[in-house]
Amino acid sequence: MPSTTVAALYKFVALPDYQTWRDTLHAHCERLQIKGTLLLAAEGINGTIAGSAQAIAEFRAVLLADPRFAGLEYKEAQHPEAPFLRLKVKLREEIVTMGVPNTDPTQQVGTYVDAADWNALIDDPDTLVIDTRNAYETAIGRFRGATVPNTRYFREFPAYVDQQLNPAQHKKIAMYCTGGIRCEKASHYLLRQGFDEVYHLRGGILKYLEDVPAQDNRWEGECFVFDERVAVGHALKQGDYVLCRACRHPVSPAQRQQPEFEDGVSCPHCHAQQTPQNRARARERNEQMKLAERRGQVHLGPKT
């Protein structure tokens, strides 16, 4: 059985006509039977999509036919099953939400560091390594010795910088995120706040896990991804976590053995906040999904 190609892509670029791209890209994806999510904004494009290798290659060619997408940040991985159930092409104010006006990574960003050079940078004792992802992501994996801001949302990152970092004290900062996009904005913000020496991992954790040999790997744990794979490890192989359908937190094998875990209903992260009514509705939804599966159908649930 052929595998599915999963492509993660983004680019910050001025797209004043981004609204007209929605129908165009949606039509191409439907024609090519591509599933996943694409975000469009005046500042660029961001998304993860999946389909046959030929379909993904053709879709990429559609983007690259527009000169504005030259240099598109793009990564592929193979997966035995389709990691998305539907297609969503959305219009947004930002392709990654920081919420700070006039943040424009096309004007200024930190120094890109390739995966092959990342170890030397983070091994330097003078480097402050910062994970720009959110708490539920950092909980399952991070680079050894990295500082974790414990933000719930990326829009909390500027407050973390303002409260915890000081240009006079933190002279050399290296940041990383899943695919690189959040660090584009984060590095731009740091430079605007007066930090001089700011680095970020080109292609993010995913590129590092793909390129760096296991024996040289500084990554500990797994990397959360925003699709049905949930998490990946070295060489982008699917990890051991599953997603709690109630709270969207990744759940480890050990956590799935705890009494608070009920597949599709609750997990140790959210069980205490669930009411009996919530759990009853979740169980009913699970039954509908199982019934649809027996009928050979896909139960997608509500659109978001």
C-alpha atoms as a PDB file:
ATOM      1  CA  MET A   1       0.000   0.000   0.000  1.00  0.00           C
ATOM      2  CA  PRO A   2       1.528   3.374  -1.007  1.00  0.00           C
ATOM      3  CA  SER A   3       2.403   5.785   1.780  1.00  0.00           C
ATOM      4  CA  THR A   4       1.047   9.294   2.162  1.00  0.00           C
ATOM      5  CA  THR A   5       3.319  12.288   1.646  1.00  0.00           C
ATOM      6  CA  VAL A   6       3.012  14.901   4.400  1.00  0.00           C
ATOM      7  CA  ALA A   7       4.282  18.381   3.511  1.00  0.00           C
ATOM      8  CA  ALA A   8       4.833  21.229   5.959  1.00  0.00           C
ATOM      9  CA  LEU A   9       5.335  24.623   4.346  1.00  0.00           C
ATOM     10  CA  TYR A  10       5.409  28.320   5.064  1.00  0.00           C
ATOM     11  CA  LYS A  11       6.707  31.639   3.846  1.00  0.00           C
ATOM     12  CA  PHE A  12       6.445  35.175   5.113  1.00  0.00           C
ATOM     13  CA  VAL A  13       5.802  37.298   2.027  1.00  0.00           C
ATOM     14  CA  ALA A  14       3.551  40.237   1.211  1.00  0.00           C
ATOM     15  CA  LEU A  15       0.291  38.780  -0.144  1.00  0.00           C
ATOM     16  CA  PRO A  16      -2.133  41.684  -0.542  1.00  0.00           C
ATOM     17  CA  ASP A  17      -4.284  39.405  -2.726  1.00  0.00           C
ATOM     18  CA  TYR A  18      -4.318  36.559  -0.177  1.00  0.00           C
ATOM     19  CA  GLN A  19      -8.116  36.420  -0.072  1.00  0.00           C
ATOM     20  CA  THR A  20      -8.292  35.492  -3.752  1.00  0.00           C
ATOM     21  CA  TRP A  21      -5.843  32.632  -3.139  1.00  0.00           C
ATOM     22  CA  ARG A  22      -8.286  30.822  -0.858  1.00  0.00           C
ATOM     23  CA  ASP A  23     -10.608  29.568  -3.594  1.00  0.00           C
ATOM     24  CA  THR A  24      -7.711  28.881  -5.955  1.00  0.00           C
ATOM     25  CA  LEU A  25      -5.781  26.714  -3.493  1.00  0.00           C
ATOM     26  CA  HIS A  26      -8.929  24.998  -2.237  1.00  0.00           C
ATOM     27  CA  ALA A  27      -9.839  24.020  -5.806  1.00  0.00           C
ATOM     28  CA  HIS A  28      -6.348  22.647  -6.494  1.00  0.00           C
ATOM     29  CA  CYS A  29      -6.356  20.623  -3.266  1.00  0.00           C
ATOM     30  CA  GLU A  30      -9.788  19.153  -3.971  1.00  0.00           C
ATOM     31  CA  ARG A  31      -8.757  18.255  -7.521  1.00  0.00           C
ATOM     32  CA  LEU A  32      -5.623  16.553  -6.201  1.00  0.00           C
ATOM     33  CA  GLN A  33      -7.427  14.917  -3.236  1.00  0.00           C
ATOM     34  CA  ILE A  34      -5.169  16.687  -0.765  1.00  0.00           C
ATOM     35  CA  LYS A  35      -6.223  17.021   2.879  1.00  0.00           C
ATOM     36  CA  GLY A  36      -4.845  19.200   5.658  1.00  0.00           C
ATOM     37  CA  THR A  37      -4.840  22.850   6.668  1.00  0.00           C
ATOM     38  CA  LEU A  38      -3.552  25.946   4.894  1.00  0.00           C
ATOM     39  CA  LEU A  39      -3.555  29.414   6.444  1.00  0.00           C
ATOM     40  CA  LEU A  40      -3.408  32.546   4.305  1.00  0.00           C
ATOM     41  CA  ALA A  41      -2.855  36.116   5.461  1.00  0.00           C
ATOM     42  CA  ALA A  42      -1.483  39.360   4.114  1.00  0.00           C
ATOM     43  CA  GLU A  43       1.860  38.287   5.626  1.00  0.00           C
ATOM     44  CA  GLY A  44       2.123  34.932   3.803  1.00  0.00           C
ATOM     45  CA  ILE A  45       1.179  31.247   3.862  1.00  0.00           C
ATOM     46  CA  ASN A  46       1.504  28.451   6.433  1.00  0.00           C
ATOM     47  CA  GLY A  47       0.215  24.896   6.554  1.00  0.00           C
ATOM     48  CA  THR A  48       0.563  21.142   6.614  1.00  0.00           C
ATOM     49  CA  ILE A  49      -1.052  19.035   3.923  1.00  0.00           C
ATOM     50  CA  ALA A  50      -1.035  15.378   2.864  1.00  0.00           C
ATOM     51  CA  GLY A  51      -1.735  13.391  -0.265  1.00  0.00           C
ATOM     52  CA  SER A  52      -0.074  11.193  -2.848  1.00  0.00           C
ATOM     53  CA  ALA A  53       3.506  12.041  -3.758  1.00  0.00           C
ATOM     54  CA  GLN A  54       2.386  13.149  -7.220  1.00  0.00           C
ATOM     55  CA  ALA A  55      -0.403  15.326  -5.830  1.00  0.00           C
ATOM     56  CA  ILE A  56       1.872  17.063  -3.327  1.00  0.00           C
ATOM     57  CA  ALA A  57       4.506  17.650  -6.016  1.00  0.00           C
ATOM     58  CA  GLU A  58       1.897  19.189  -8.302  1.00  0.00           C
ATOM     59  CA  PHE A  59       0.545  21.410  -5.536  1.00  0.00           C
ATOM     60  CA  ARG A  60       4.048  22.621  -4.710  1.00  0.00           C
ATOM     61  CA  ALA A  61       4.548  23.457  -8.384  1.00  0.00           C
ATOM     62  CA  VAL A  62       1.363  25.550  -8.295  1.00  0.00           C
ATOM     63  CA  LEU A  63       2.801  27.645  -5.468  1.00  0.00           C
ATOM     64  CA  LEU A  64       6.265  27.971  -6.956  1.00  0.00           C
ATOM     65  CA  ALA A  65       4.791  29.185 -10.247  1.00  0.00           C
ATOM     66  CA  ASP A  66       4.257  32.470  -8.397  1.00  0.00           C
ATOM     67  CA  PRO A  67       7.684  34.161  -7.941  1.00  0.00           C
ATOM     68  CA  ARG A  68       6.611  35.412  -4.516  1.00  0.00           C
ATOM     69  CA  PHE A  69       6.849  31.864  -3.175  1.00  0.00           C
ATOM     70  CA  ALA A  70      10.462  31.371  -4.254  1.00  0.00           C
ATOM     71  CA  GLY A  71      12.398  30.161  -1.224  1.00  0.00           C
ATOM     72  CA  LEU A  72       9.292  28.565   0.289  1.00  0.00           C
ATOM     73  CA  GLU A  73      10.244  26.766   3.535  1.00  0.00           C
ATOM     74  CA  TYR A  74       9.207  23.210   2.722  1.00  0.00           C
ATOM     75  CA  LYS A  75       9.627  19.758   4.304  1.00  0.00           C
ATOM     76  CA  GLU A  76       8.245  16.338   3.397  1.00  0.00           C
ATOM     77  CA  ALA A  77       7.764  13.134   5.377  1.00  0.00           C
ATOM     78  CA  GLN A  78       6.130   9.795   4.611  1.00  0.00           C
ATOM     79  CA  HIS A  79       3.318   8.313   6.659  1.00  0.00           C
ATOM     80  CA  PRO A  80       1.532   4.957   6.170  1.00  0.00           C
ATOM     81  CA  GLU A  81      -1.927   6.504   6.621  1.00  0.00           C
ATOM     82  CA  ALA A  82      -3.582   9.810   5.799  1.00  0.00           C
ATOM     83  CA  PRO A  83      -2.953  12.070   8.824  1.00  0.00           C
ATOM     84  CA  PHE A  84      -5.858  14.423   8.038  1.00  0.00           C
ATOM     85  CA  LEU A  85      -9.570  13.788   7.617  1.00  0.00           C
ATOM     86  CA  ARG A  86     -10.547  16.947   5.774  1.00  0.00           C
ATOM     87  CA  LEU A  87      -9.296  19.982   3.917  1.00  0.00           C
ATOM     88  CA  LYS A  88      -9.325  23.475   5.427  1.00  0.00           C
ATOM     89  CA  VAL A  89      -8.072  26.620   3.689  1.00  0.00           C
ATOM     90  CA  LYS A  90      -8.501  29.540   6.074  1.00  0.00           C
ATOM     91  CA  LEU A  91      -8.018  33.290   5.977  1.00  0.00           C
ATOM     92  CA  ARG A  92      -6.288  34.769   9.011  1.00  0.00           C
ATOM     93  CA  GLU A  93      -4.938  38.055  10.342  1.00  0.00           C
ATOM     94  CA  GLU A  94      -1.591  36.293  10.877  1.00  0.00           C
ATOM     95  CA  ILE A  95      -0.254  32.946   9.677  1.00  0.00           C
ATOM     96  CA  VAL A  96       1.197  32.477  13.169  1.00  0.00           C
ATOM     97  CA  THR A  97      -0.440  34.616  15.820  1.00  0.00           C
ATOM     98  CA  MET A  98       1.796  36.835  17.925  1.00  0.00           C
ATOM     99  CA  GLY A  99      -0.567  39.788  18.165  1.00  0.00           C
ATOM    100  CA  VAL A 100       2.123  42.482  18.027  1.00  0.00           C
ATOM    101  CA  PRO A 101       1.424  45.201  15.419  1.00  0.00           C
ATOM    102  CA  ASN A 102       4.007  45.821  12.685  1.00  0.00           C
ATOM    103  CA  THR A 103       5.797  42.514  13.221  1.00  0.00           C
ATOM    104  CA  ASP A 104       7.296  41.794   9.806  1.00  0.00           C
ATOM    105  CA  PRO A 105       9.886  39.011   9.463  1.00  0.00           C
ATOM    106  CA  THR A 106      10.442  39.969   5.820  1.00  0.00           C
ATOM    107  CA  GLN A 107      12.208  43.102   7.080  1.00  0.00           C
ATOM    108  CA  GLN A 108      14.484  41.594   9.739  1.00  0.00           C
ATOM    109  CA  VAL A 109      15.065  38.228  11.404  1.00  0.00           C
ATOM    110  CA  GLY A 110      17.829  36.586  13.386  1.00  0.00           C
ATOM    111  CA  THR A 111      20.657  34.495  11.973  1.00  0.00           C
ATOM    112  CA  TYR A 112      19.580  31.153  10.518  1.00  0.00           C
ATOM    113  CA  VAL A 113      21.502  28.118  11.758  1.00  0.00           C
ATOM    114  CA  ASP A 114      21.383  24.885   9.775  1.00  0.00           C
ATOM    115  CA  ALA A 115      20.705  21.603  11.565  1.00  0.00           C
ATOM    116  CA  ALA A 116      24.311  20.480  10.992  1.00  0.00           C
ATOM    117  CA  ASP A 117      25.611  23.507  12.935  1.00  0.00           C
ATOM    118  CA  TRP A 118      22.994  23.606  15.680  1.00  0.00           C
ATOM    119  CA  ASN A 119      24.782  21.351  18.189  1.00  0.00           C
ATOM    120  CA  ALA A 120      27.853  23.558  18.288  1.00  0.00           C
ATOM    121  CA  LEU A 121      25.717  26.624  18.961  1.00  0.00           C
ATOM    122  CA  ILE A 122      23.650  25.156  21.783  1.00  0.00           C
ATOM    123  CA  ASP A 123      26.703  23.460  23.353  1.00  0.00           C
ATOM    124  CA  ASP A 124      28.274  26.900  23.835  1.00  0.00           C
ATOM    125  CA  PRO A 125      27.790  27.777  27.554  1.00  0.00           C
ATOM    126  CA  ASP A 126      27.275  31.435  26.600  1.00  0.00           C
ATOM    127  CA  THR A 127      24.176  30.567  24.534  1.00  0.00           C
ATOM    128  CA  LEU A 128      20.707  30.847  26.056  1.00  0.00           C
ATOM    129  CA  VAL A 129      18.591  28.263  24.231  1.00  0.00           C
ATOM    130  CA  ILE A 130      14.849  29.052  24.179  1.00  0.00           C
ATOM    131  CA  ASP A 131      12.010  26.781  23.089  1.00  0.00           C
ATOM    132  CA  THR A 132       9.373  29.098  21.579  1.00  0.00           C
ATOM    133  CA  ARG A 133       6.631  26.452  21.538  1.00  0.00           C
ATOM    134  CA  ASN A 134       3.752  26.127  23.984  1.00  0.00           C
ATOM    135  CA  ALA A 135       3.710  24.143  27.220  1.00  0.00           C
ATOM    136  CA  TYR A 136       1.818  21.088  25.918  1.00  0.00           C
ATOM    137  CA  GLU A 137       4.417  20.748  23.145  1.00  0.00           C
ATOM    138  CA  THR A 138       7.507  21.196  25.294  1.00  0.00           C
ATOM    139  CA  ALA A 139       6.131  18.709  27.838  1.00  0.00           C
ATOM    140  CA  ILE A 140       6.871  15.756  25.537  1.00  0.00           C
ATOM    141  CA  GLY A 141      10.272  16.774  24.182  1.00  0.00           C
ATOM    142  CA  ARG A 142      12.908  19.494  23.975  1.00  0.00           C
ATOM    143  CA  PHE A 143      16.578  20.105  23.317  1.00  0.00           C
ATOM    144  CA  ARG A 144      18.769  19.229  26.252  1.00  0.00           C
ATOM    145  CA  GLY A 145      19.227  22.232  28.550  1.00  0.00           C
ATOM    146  CA  ALA A 146      16.708  24.459  26.765  1.00  0.00           C
ATOM    147  CA  THR A 147      14.741  27.147  28.599  1.00  0.00           C
ATOM    148  CA  VAL A 148      10.980  26.643  28.385  1.00  0.00           C
ATOM    149  CA  PRO A 149       8.767  29.758  28.716  1.00  0.00           C
ATOM    150  CA  ASN A 150       5.668  27.603  29.526  1.00  0.00           C
ATOM    151  CA  THR A 151       3.396  29.753  27.390  1.00  0.00           C
ATOM    152  CA  ARG A 152      -0.108  28.532  26.635  1.00  0.00           C
ATOM    153  CA  TYR A 153      -0.224  30.404  23.322  1.00  0.00           C
ATOM    154  CA  PHE A 154       2.440  31.959  21.123  1.00  0.00           C
ATOM    155  CA  ARG A 155       0.909  35.405  21.663  1.00  0.00           C
ATOM    156  CA  GLU A 156       2.185  35.173  25.266  1.00  0.00           C
ATOM    157  CA  PHE A 157       5.793  35.009  24.056  1.00  0.00           C
ATOM    158  CA  PRO A 158       6.343  38.822  23.892  1.00  0.00           C
ATOM    159  CA  ALA A 159       5.306  39.133  27.549  1.00  0.00           C
ATOM    160  CA  TYR A 160       7.795  36.386  28.457  1.00  0.00           C
ATOM    161  CA  VAL A 161      10.563  38.295  26.663  1.00  0.00           C
ATOM    162  CA  ASP A 162       9.642  41.576  28.323  1.00  0.00           C
ATOM    163  CA  GLN A 163       9.508  40.034  31.800  1.00  0.00           C
ATOM    164  CA  GLN A 164      12.288  37.440  31.740  1.00  0.00           C
ATOM    165  CA  LEU A 165      14.940  38.514  29.234  1.00  0.00           C
ATOM    166  CA  ASN A 166      17.366  41.421  29.259  1.00  0.00           C
ATOM    167  CA  PRO A 167      19.548  42.543  26.327  1.00  0.00           C
ATOM    168  CA  ALA A 168      22.315  43.553  28.743  1.00  0.00           C
ATOM    169  CA  GLN A 169      22.355  40.106  30.370  1.00  0.00           C
ATOM    170  CA  HIS A 170      21.374  37.707  27.584  1.00  0.00           C
ATOM    171  CA  LYS A 171      23.912  38.420  24.891  1.00  0.00           C
ATOM    172  CA  LYS A 172      23.529  35.298  22.763  1.00  0.00           C
ATOM    173  CA  ILE A 173      20.131  33.692  22.205  1.00  0.00           C
ATOM    174  CA  ALA A 174      19.298  30.612  20.110  1.00  0.00           C
ATOM    175  CA  MET A 175      15.647  29.725  19.509  1.00  0.00           C
ATOM    176  CA  TYR A 176      13.827  26.803  17.955  1.00  0.00           C
ATOM    177  CA  CYS A 177      10.284  25.642  17.215  1.00  0.00           C
ATOM    178  CA  THR A 178       8.571  22.827  15.311  1.00  0.00           C
ATOM    179  CA  GLY A 179       9.154  23.926  11.730  1.00  0.00           C
ATOM    180  CA  GLY A 180      10.803  27.319  12.029  1.00  0.00           C
ATOM    181  CA  ILE A 181       7.886  29.687  11.510  1.00  0.00           C
ATOM    182  CA  ARG A 182       7.415  30.867  15.093  1.00  0.00           C
ATOM    183  CA  CYS A 183      11.120  31.650  15.387  1.00  0.00           C
ATOM    184  CA  GLU A 184      10.886  33.980  12.397  1.00  0.00           C
ATOM    185  CA  LYS A 185       8.542  36.232  14.336  1.00  0.00           C
ATOM    186  CA  ALA A 186      10.210  35.616  17.689  1.00  0.00           C
ATOM    187  CA  SER A 187      13.641  36.603  16.372  1.00  0.00           C
ATOM    188  CA  HIS A 188      12.202  39.715  14.723  1.00  0.00           C
ATOM    189  CA  TYR A 189      10.617  40.701  18.034  1.00  0.00           C
ATOM    190  CA  LEU A 190      13.841  40.156  19.995  1.00  0.00           C
ATOM    191  CA  LEU A 191      15.853  42.265  17.581  1.00  0.00           C
ATOM    192  CA  ARG A 192      13.305  45.070  17.908  1.00  0.00           C
ATOM    193  CA  GLN A 193      13.721  44.895  21.695  1.00  0.00           C
ATOM    194  CA  GLY A 194      17.460  45.491  21.442  1.00  0.00           C
ATOM    195  CA  PHE A 195      18.885  41.951  21.509  1.00  0.00           C
ATOM    196  CA  ASP A 196      21.876  41.878  19.175  1.00  0.00           C
ATOM    197  CA  GLU A 197      22.917  38.234  18.768  1.00  0.00           C
ATOM    198  CA  VAL A 198      19.827  36.186  17.918  1.00  0.00           C
ATOM    199  CA  TYR A 199      19.901  32.807  16.176  1.00  0.00           C
ATOM    200  CA  HIS A 200      17.198  30.354  15.147  1.00  0.00           C
ATOM    201  CA  LEU A 201      17.159  26.793  13.837  1.00  0.00           C
ATOM    202  CA  ARG A 202      16.451  26.715  10.105  1.00  0.00           C
ATOM    203  CA  GLY A 203      13.635  24.286   9.367  1.00  0.00           C
ATOM    204  CA  GLY A 204      12.975  23.774  13.061  1.00  0.00           C
ATOM    205  CA  ILE A 205      12.989  20.563  15.064  1.00  0.00           C
ATOM    206  CA  LEU A 206      11.587  18.580  12.140  1.00  0.00           C
ATOM    207  CA  LYS A 207      14.561  19.395   9.934  1.00  0.00           C
ATOM    208  CA  TYR A 208      16.959  18.593  12.789  1.00  0.00           C
ATOM    209  CA  LEU A 209      15.346  15.196  13.463  1.00  0.00           C
ATOM    210  CA  GLU A 210      15.436  14.424   9.753  1.00  0.00           C
ATOM    211  CA  ASP A 211      19.052  15.412   9.101  1.00  0.00           C
ATOM    212  CA  VAL A 212      21.119  14.860  12.251  1.00  0.00           C
ATOM    213  CA  PRO A 213      22.350  11.276  12.852  1.00  0.00           C
ATOM    214  CA  ALA A 214      20.973   9.551  15.939  1.00  0.00           C
ATOM    215  CA  GLN A 215      24.382   9.329  17.606  1.00  0.00           C
ATOM    216  CA  ASP A 216      24.780  13.142  17.415  1.00  0.00           C
ATOM    217  CA  ASN A 217      21.213  13.980  18.376  1.00  0.00           C
ATOM    218  CA  ARG A 218      20.678  16.442  21.240  1.00  0.00           C
ATOM    219  CA  TRP A 219      16.892  16.096  21.117  1.00  0.00           C
ATOM    220  CA  GLU A 220      15.212  14.404  24.082  1.00  0.00           C
ATOM    221  CA  GLY A 221      11.709  12.949  23.802  1.00  0.00           C
ATOM    222  CA  GLU A 222       9.346  13.419  20.875  1.00  0.00           C
ATOM    223  CA  CYS A 223       8.217  16.380  18.809  1.00  0.00           C
ATOM    224  CA  PHE A 224       4.527  17.289  18.788  1.00  0.00           C
ATOM    225  CA  VAL A 225       3.046  17.785  15.316  1.00  0.00           C
ATOM    226  CA  PHE A 226      -0.323  19.218  14.367  1.00  0.00           C
ATOM    227  CA  ASP A 227      -1.853  16.231  12.625  1.00  0.00           C
ATOM    228  CA  GLU A 228      -2.987  12.689  13.343  1.00  0.00           C
ATOM    229  CA  ARG A 229       0.598  11.486  13.813  1.00  0.00           C
ATOM    230  CA  VAL A 230       0.566  13.501  17.090  1.00  0.00           C
ATOM    231  CA  ALA A 231       4.337  13.214  17.617  1.00  0.00           C
ATOM    232  CA  VAL A 232       7.453  12.161  15.730  1.00  0.00           C
ATOM    233  CA  GLY A 233      10.957  11.143  16.725  1.00  0.00           C
ATOM    234  CA  HIS A 234      14.317  10.667  15.018  1.00  0.00           C
ATOM    235  CA  ALA A 235      14.073  10.441  11.217  1.00  0.00           C
ATOM    236  CA  LEU A 236      10.470  11.701  11.600  1.00  0.00           C
ATOM    237  CA  LYS A 237       9.145   8.275  12.571  1.00  0.00           C
ATOM    238  CA  GLN A 238       5.775   8.331  14.303  1.00  0.00           C
ATOM    239  CA  GLY A 239       6.071   8.450  18.090  1.00  0.00           C
ATOM    240  CA  ASP A 240       4.174   6.837  20.970  1.00  0.00           C
ATOM    241  CA  TYR A 241       1.786   9.635  21.908  1.00  0.00           C
ATOM    242  CA  VAL A 242      -1.908   9.832  21.069  1.00  0.00           C
ATOM    243  CA  LEU A 243      -4.136  12.895  21.173  1.00  0.00           C
ATOM    244  CA  CYS A 244      -6.828  13.368  23.803  1.00  0.00           C
ATOM    245  CA  ARG A 245      -9.917  14.299  21.802  1.00  0.00           C
ATOM    246  CA  ALA A 246     -11.348  16.200  24.751  1.00  0.00           C
ATOM    247  CA  CYS A 247      -8.508  18.642  25.500  1.00  0.00           C
ATOM    248  CA  ARG A 248      -6.119  18.128  22.525  1.00  0.00           C
ATOM    249  CA  HIS A 249      -3.153  17.321  24.774  1.00  0.00           C
ATOM    250  CA  PRO A 250      -0.700  14.576  23.770  1.00  0.00           C
ATOM    251  CA  VAL A 251      -1.014  11.519  26.021  1.00  0.00           C
ATOM    252  CA  SER A 252       1.888   9.151  26.690  1.00  0.00           C
ATOM    253  CA  PRO A 253       1.629   5.342  26.944  1.00  0.00           C
ATOM    254  CA  ALA A 254       2.056   5.593  30.739  1.00  0.00           C
ATOM    255  CA  GLN A 255      -0.702   8.192  30.999  1.00  0.00           C
ATOM    256  CA  ARG A 256      -3.023   5.936  28.986  1.00  0.00           C
ATOM    257  CA  GLN A 257      -2.718   3.359  31.771  1.00  0.00           C
ATOM    258  CA  GLN A 258      -4.101   5.773  34.354  1.00  0.00           C
ATOM    259  CA  PRO A 259      -7.779   5.549  35.357  1.00  0.00           C
ATOM    260  CA  GLU A 260      -8.393   9.141  34.207  1.00  0.00           C
ATOM    261  CA  PHE A 261      -7.772   8.136  30.609  1.00  0.00           C
ATOM    262  CA  GLU A 262     -10.744   7.036  28.542  1.00  0.00           C
ATOM    263  CA  ASP A 263     -10.171   7.043  24.823  1.00  0.00           C
ATOM    264  CA  GLY A 264     -11.996   9.943  23.206  1.00  0.00           C
ATOM    265  CA  VAL A 265     -13.459  11.053  26.539  1.00  0.00           C
ATOM    266  CA  SER A 266     -10.804  12.298  28.978  1.00  0.00           C
ATOM    267  CA  CYS A 267      -7.167  12.039  30.045  1.00  0.00           C
ATOM    268  CA  PRO A 268      -5.069  12.923  33.104  1.00  0.00           C
ATOM    269  CA  HIS A 269      -4.753  16.483  31.769  1.00  0.00           C
ATOM    270  CA  CYS A 270      -8.478  17.215  31.632  1.00  0.00           C
ATOM    271  CA  HIS A 271     -10.361  14.590  33.653  1.00  0.00           C
ATOM    272  CA  ALA A 272     -10.792  16.840  36.691  1.00  0.00           C
ATOM    273  CA  GLN A 273     -12.379  19.556  34.550  1.00  0.00           C
ATOM    274  CA  GLN A 274     -14.812  17.202  32.802  1.00  0.00           C
ATOM    275  CA  THR A 275     -18.422  17.001  33.980  1.00  0.00           C
ATOM    276  CA  PRO A 276     -20.437  13.766  33.788  1.00  0.00           C
ATOM    277  CA  GLN A 277     -22.442  15.425  31.002  1.00  0.00           C
ATOM    278  CA  ASN A 278     -19.263  16.159  29.032  1.00  0.00           C
ATOM    279  CA  ARG A 279     -18.113  12.574  29.315  1.00  0.00           C
ATOM    280  CA  ALA A 280     -21.540  11.249  28.319  1.00  0.00           C
ATOM    281  CA  ARG A 281     -21.543  13.385  25.167  1.00  0.00           C
ATOM    282  CA  ALA A 282     -18.019  12.255  24.337  1.00  0.00           C
ATOM    283  CA  ARG A 283     -18.976   8.591  24.714  1.00  0.00           C
ATOM    284  CA  GLU A 284     -21.941   9.136  22.412  1.00  0.00           C
ATOM    285  CA  ARG A 285     -19.685  10.756  19.851  1.00  0.00           C
ATOM    286  CA  ASN A 286     -17.324   7.789  20.066  1.00  0.00           C
ATOM    287  CA  GLU A 287     -20.185   5.401  19.410  1.00  0.00           C
ATOM    288  CA  GLN A 288     -21.177   7.412  16.342  1.00  0.00           C
ATOM    289  CA  MET A 289     -17.598   7.248  15.078  1.00  0.00           C
ATOM    290  CA  LYS A 290     -17.420   3.485  15.586  1.00  0.00           C
ATOM    291  CA  LEU A 291     -20.778   3.017  13.867  1.00  0.00           C
ATOM    292  CA  ALA A 292     -19.614   5.109  10.903  1.00  0.00           C
ATOM    293  CA  GLU A 293     -16.415   3.058  10.719  1.00  0.00           C
ATOM    294  CA  ARG A 294     -18.383  -0.205  10.607  1.00  0.00           C
ATOM    295  CA  ARG A 295     -20.381   1.263   7.723  1.00  0.00           C
ATOM    296  CA  GLY A 296     -17.192   2.185   5.899  1.00  0.00           C
ATOM    297  CA  GLN A 297     -17.758   5.902   6.448  1.00  0.00           C
ATOM    298  CA  VAL A 298     -15.668   8.620   8.057  1.00  0.00           C
ATOM    299  CA  HIS A 299     -17.244  10.511  10.952  1.00  0.00           C
ATOM    300  CA  LEU A 300     -15.612  13.942  10.857  1.00  0.00           C
ATOM    301  CA  GLY A 301     -17.443  15.645  13.678  1.00  0.00           C
ATOM    302  CA  PRO A 302     -18.111  19.403  13.653  1.00  0.00           C
ATOM    303  CA  LYS A 303     -16.130  21.613  11.298  1.00  0.00           C
ATOM    304  CA  THR A 304     -13.736  24.124  12.848  1.00  0.00           C
END
